[in-house]
């Protein structure tokens, strides 16, 4: 589970939806900070916007590219997964 501030919401309307994380704090699980939250489920689209503070629970996934590797949280694959808005931007 991670608490995060959404930094990029340009792909929040698409499926799969993607939320770039600006800052994060790992609250539960492996202490590896993810750089984004993604979901292949439409119910998570448009739930958060840039500047929103969220709490997300899902599967931590390592993505290895040719030049870099990132960690992301995949939500929606398990019924216990969620993306909750904690606070709107001021």
N, C-alpha and C. Protein backbone atom coordinates (compact mmCIF):
# COMPACT_ATOMS: atom_id res chain seq x y z
N UNK A 1 0.85 -1.17 0.00
CA UNK A 1 0.00 0.00 0.00
C UNK A 1 0.90 1.23 0.00
N UNK A 2 0.50 2.22 -0.77
CA UNK A 2 1.31 3.43 -0.90
C UNK A 2 0.42 4.66 -0.79
N UNK A 3 0.96 5.69 -0.17
CA UNK A 3 0.32 7.00 -0.13
C UNK A 3 1.13 7.86 -1.10
N UNK A 4 0.44 8.57 -2.00
CA UNK A 4 1.16 9.29 -3.04
C UNK A 4 0.46 10.57 -3.46
N UNK A 5 1.20 11.43 -4.12
CA UNK A 5 0.66 12.64 -4.75
C UNK A 5 0.73 12.41 -6.26
N UNK A 6 -0.39 12.60 -6.94
CA UNK A 6 -0.44 12.41 -8.39
C UNK A 6 0.26 13.57 -9.07
N UNK A 7 1.25 13.25 -9.89
CA UNK A 7 2.01 14.27 -10.60
C UNK A 7 1.66 14.34 -12.08
N UNK A 8 1.13 13.24 -12.62
CA UNK A 8 0.79 13.18 -14.05
C UNK A 8 -0.53 12.44 -14.19
N UNK A 9 -1.53 13.12 -14.76
CA UNK A 9 -2.84 12.50 -14.93
C UNK A 9 -3.28 12.49 -16.40
N UNK A 10 -2.35 12.67 -17.32
CA UNK A 10 -2.71 12.77 -18.74
C UNK A 10 -3.33 11.49 -19.31
N UNK A 11 -3.06 10.35 -18.69
CA UNK A 11 -3.61 9.08 -19.18
C UNK A 11 -4.63 8.48 -18.21
N UNK A 12 -5.27 9.35 -17.41
CA UNK A 12 -6.22 8.82 -16.43
C UNK A 12 -7.58 8.48 -17.03
N UNK A 13 -7.84 8.92 -18.25
CA UNK A 13 -9.13 8.64 -18.90
C UNK A 13 -9.06 7.40 -19.78
N UNK A 14 -7.87 6.91 -20.05
CA UNK A 14 -7.68 5.78 -20.96
C UNK A 14 -7.75 4.44 -20.23
N UNK A 15 -7.88 3.39 -21.01
CA UNK A 15 -7.76 2.05 -20.46
C UNK A 15 -6.68 1.34 -21.27
N UNK A 16 -5.56 0.97 -20.67
CA UNK A 16 -5.27 1.09 -19.25
C UNK A 16 -5.03 2.55 -18.84
N UNK A 17 -5.43 2.85 -17.61
CA UNK A 17 -5.19 4.20 -17.10
C UNK A 17 -3.85 4.21 -16.36
N UNK A 18 -3.24 5.38 -16.35
CA UNK A 18 -1.92 5.55 -15.74
C UNK A 18 -1.88 6.84 -14.97
N UNK A 19 -1.35 6.77 -13.75
CA UNK A 19 -1.15 7.94 -12.90
C UNK A 19 0.33 8.01 -12.54
N UNK A 20 1.00 9.07 -12.95
CA UNK A 20 2.39 9.26 -12.56
C UNK A 20 2.43 9.78 -11.13
N UNK A 21 3.36 9.28 -10.37
CA UNK A 21 3.47 9.66 -8.96
C UNK A 21 4.57 10.70 -8.78
N UNK A 22 4.25 11.76 -8.08
CA UNK A 22 5.20 12.83 -7.80
C UNK A 22 5.99 12.52 -6.52
N UNK A 23 5.29 12.19 -5.46
CA UNK A 23 5.90 11.82 -4.19
C UNK A 23 5.14 10.61 -3.64
N UNK A 24 5.86 9.74 -2.95
CA UNK A 24 5.16 8.58 -2.38
C UNK A 24 5.79 8.15 -1.07
N UNK A 25 4.97 7.46 -0.30
CA UNK A 25 5.42 6.87 0.97
C UNK A 25 4.82 5.47 1.01
N UNK A 26 5.66 4.46 1.14
CA UNK A 26 5.19 3.08 1.20
C UNK A 26 4.70 2.83 2.62
N UNK A 27 3.42 2.46 2.75
CA UNK A 27 2.82 2.24 4.06
C UNK A 27 2.80 0.78 4.45
N UNK A 28 2.81 -0.11 3.46
CA UNK A 28 2.70 -1.54 3.72
C UNK A 28 3.34 -2.30 2.57
N UNK A 29 3.98 -3.40 2.87
CA UNK A 29 4.60 -4.21 1.83
C UNK A 29 6.06 -3.86 1.64
N UNK A 30 6.61 -4.25 0.49
CA UNK A 30 8.02 -3.99 0.20
C UNK A 30 8.27 -2.50 0.13
N UNK A 31 9.33 -2.05 0.70
CA UNK A 31 9.64 -0.62 0.80
C UNK A 31 10.32 -0.09 -0.46
N UNK A 32 9.73 -0.39 -1.61
CA UNK A 32 10.25 0.08 -2.89
C UNK A 32 9.27 1.13 -3.41
N UNK A 33 9.70 2.38 -3.56
CA UNK A 33 8.77 3.42 -4.01
C UNK A 33 8.44 3.28 -5.50
N UNK A 34 7.15 3.18 -5.83
CA UNK A 34 6.76 3.09 -7.24
C UNK A 34 6.78 4.46 -7.90
N UNK A 35 6.89 4.48 -9.22
CA UNK A 35 6.86 5.75 -9.94
C UNK A 35 5.53 5.99 -10.63
N UNK A 36 4.66 4.96 -10.66
CA UNK A 36 3.35 5.15 -11.27
C UNK A 36 2.36 4.11 -10.76
N UNK A 37 1.08 4.42 -10.97
CA UNK A 37 -0.02 3.52 -10.65
C UNK A 37 -0.73 3.27 -11.97
N UNK A 38 -0.98 2.00 -12.30
CA UNK A 38 -1.71 1.69 -13.53
C UNK A 38 -2.85 0.72 -13.24
N UNK A 39 -3.84 0.71 -14.14
CA UNK A 39 -4.93 -0.25 -14.03
C UNK A 39 -5.47 -0.56 -15.41
N UNK A 40 -5.80 -1.83 -15.61
CA UNK A 40 -6.43 -2.28 -16.85
C UNK A 40 -7.94 -2.36 -16.69
N UNK A 41 -8.45 -1.86 -15.58
CA UNK A 41 -9.88 -1.85 -15.29
C UNK A 41 -10.43 -0.44 -15.43
N UNK A 42 -11.53 -0.31 -16.13
CA UNK A 42 -12.12 1.01 -16.38
C UNK A 42 -12.61 1.72 -15.13
N UNK A 43 -12.90 0.98 -14.07
CA UNK A 43 -13.44 1.62 -12.87
C UNK A 43 -12.44 2.53 -12.16
N UNK A 44 -11.16 2.42 -12.51
CA UNK A 44 -10.15 3.27 -11.88
C UNK A 44 -9.82 4.51 -12.71
N UNK A 45 -10.46 4.64 -13.88
CA UNK A 45 -10.23 5.82 -14.74
C UNK A 45 -10.81 7.06 -14.09
N UNK A 46 -10.12 8.16 -14.21
CA UNK A 46 -10.54 9.48 -13.74
C UNK A 46 -10.87 9.54 -12.25
N UNK A 47 -10.28 8.69 -11.45
CA UNK A 47 -10.52 8.75 -10.01
C UNK A 47 -9.64 9.78 -9.32
N UNK A 48 -8.52 10.14 -9.95
CA UNK A 48 -7.61 11.11 -9.34
C UNK A 48 -7.07 12.04 -10.42
N UNK A 49 -6.62 13.20 -9.98
CA UNK A 49 -6.09 14.21 -10.89
C UNK A 49 -4.80 14.79 -10.31
N UNK A 50 -4.07 15.51 -11.14
CA UNK A 50 -2.80 16.10 -10.73
C UNK A 50 -2.96 16.88 -9.42
N UNK A 51 -2.07 16.59 -8.48
CA UNK A 51 -2.10 17.26 -7.18
C UNK A 51 -2.90 16.54 -6.11
N UNK A 52 -3.74 15.59 -6.50
CA UNK A 52 -4.52 14.84 -5.52
C UNK A 52 -3.62 13.92 -4.71
N UNK A 53 -3.96 13.76 -3.44
CA UNK A 53 -3.28 12.79 -2.58
C UNK A 53 -4.14 11.54 -2.54
N UNK A 54 -3.51 10.40 -2.79
CA UNK A 54 -4.23 9.13 -2.87
C UNK A 54 -3.55 8.06 -2.03
N UNK A 55 -4.31 7.03 -1.74
CA UNK A 55 -3.78 5.80 -1.15
C UNK A 55 -4.16 4.70 -2.13
N UNK A 56 -3.20 3.86 -2.49
CA UNK A 56 -3.44 2.79 -3.46
C UNK A 56 -2.91 1.47 -2.92
N UNK A 57 -3.66 0.43 -3.22
CA UNK A 57 -3.22 -0.92 -2.86
C UNK A 57 -3.34 -1.79 -4.10
N UNK A 58 -2.27 -2.50 -4.40
CA UNK A 58 -2.25 -3.38 -5.56
C UNK A 58 -0.96 -4.17 -5.60
N UNK A 59 -0.67 -4.69 -6.76
CA UNK A 59 0.52 -5.51 -6.97
C UNK A 59 1.70 -4.64 -7.38
N UNK A 60 2.80 -4.73 -6.67
CA UNK A 60 4.02 -4.02 -7.05
C UNK A 60 4.69 -4.79 -8.17
N UNK A 61 4.93 -4.12 -9.29
CA UNK A 61 5.48 -4.78 -10.47
C UNK A 61 6.74 -4.06 -10.92
N UNK A 62 7.76 -4.82 -11.25
CA UNK A 62 9.01 -4.28 -11.79
C UNK A 62 8.92 -4.32 -13.31
N UNK A 63 9.18 -3.18 -13.94
CA UNK A 63 9.15 -3.09 -15.41
C UNK A 63 10.56 -2.79 -15.88
N UNK A 64 11.12 -3.68 -16.67
CA UNK A 64 12.50 -3.54 -17.14
C UNK A 64 12.48 -3.17 -18.61
N UNK A 65 13.06 -2.00 -18.92
CA UNK A 65 13.18 -1.55 -20.29
C UNK A 65 14.62 -1.67 -20.76
N UNK A 66 14.89 -1.21 -21.95
CA UNK A 66 16.25 -1.28 -22.48
C UNK A 66 17.21 -0.39 -21.73
N UNK A 67 16.74 0.77 -21.28
CA UNK A 67 17.63 1.73 -20.65
C UNK A 67 17.33 1.99 -19.18
N UNK A 68 16.18 1.56 -18.69
CA UNK A 68 15.83 1.81 -17.29
C UNK A 68 14.88 0.76 -16.78
N UNK A 69 14.71 0.74 -15.47
CA UNK A 69 13.71 -0.09 -14.85
C UNK A 69 12.93 0.76 -13.87
N UNK A 70 11.63 0.51 -13.79
CA UNK A 70 10.78 1.24 -12.86
C UNK A 70 9.93 0.25 -12.09
N UNK A 71 9.31 0.74 -11.05
CA UNK A 71 8.34 -0.03 -10.29
C UNK A 71 7.00 0.68 -10.39
N UNK A 72 5.95 -0.11 -10.54
CA UNK A 72 4.61 0.46 -10.64
C UNK A 72 3.66 -0.39 -9.82
N UNK A 73 2.57 0.23 -9.40
CA UNK A 73 1.52 -0.51 -8.70
C UNK A 73 0.42 -0.78 -9.70
N UNK A 74 0.05 -2.05 -9.84
CA UNK A 74 -1.04 -2.45 -10.73
C UNK A 74 -2.26 -2.69 -9.85
N UNK A 75 -3.32 -1.92 -10.09
CA UNK A 75 -4.54 -2.06 -9.29
C UNK A 75 -5.65 -2.66 -10.15
N UNK A 76 -6.50 -3.44 -9.50
CA UNK A 76 -7.66 -4.00 -10.17
C UNK A 76 -7.57 -5.47 -10.51
N UNK A 77 -6.44 -6.09 -10.24
CA UNK A 77 -6.30 -7.52 -10.53
C UNK A 77 -6.80 -8.38 -9.37
N UNK A 78 -6.94 -7.78 -8.20
CA UNK A 78 -7.37 -8.47 -6.99
C UNK A 78 -8.57 -7.70 -6.43
N UNK A 79 -9.60 -8.38 -5.93
CA UNK A 79 -10.75 -7.66 -5.37
C UNK A 79 -10.41 -6.74 -4.20
N UNK A 80 -9.28 -6.96 -3.53
CA UNK A 80 -8.88 -6.12 -2.40
C UNK A 80 -8.14 -4.85 -2.84
N UNK A 81 -7.84 -4.71 -4.13
CA UNK A 81 -7.13 -3.53 -4.64
C UNK A 81 -8.03 -2.30 -4.59
N UNK A 82 -7.40 -1.13 -4.41
CA UNK A 82 -8.17 0.11 -4.43
C UNK A 82 -7.29 1.30 -4.75
N UNK A 83 -7.95 2.39 -5.10
CA UNK A 83 -7.35 3.70 -5.29
C UNK A 83 -8.31 4.68 -4.64
N UNK A 84 -7.90 5.27 -3.52
CA UNK A 84 -8.78 6.16 -2.76
C UNK A 84 -8.18 7.56 -2.70
N UNK A 85 -9.01 8.53 -2.91
CA UNK A 85 -8.62 9.92 -2.77
C UNK A 85 -8.56 10.25 -1.29
N UNK A 86 -7.43 10.83 -0.85
CA UNK A 86 -7.26 11.20 0.54
C UNK A 86 -7.52 12.67 0.75
N UNK A 87 -7.06 13.48 -0.22
CA UNK A 87 -7.19 14.93 -0.07
C UNK A 87 -7.09 15.60 -1.44
N UNK A 88 -7.94 16.59 -1.67
CA UNK A 88 -7.87 17.37 -2.90
C UNK A 88 -6.75 18.39 -2.81
N UNK A 89 -6.21 18.84 -3.95
CA UNK A 89 -5.17 19.88 -3.88
C UNK A 89 -5.75 21.19 -3.37
N UNK A 90 -4.91 21.98 -2.73
CA UNK A 90 -5.38 23.27 -2.19
C UNK A 90 -5.18 24.39 -3.17
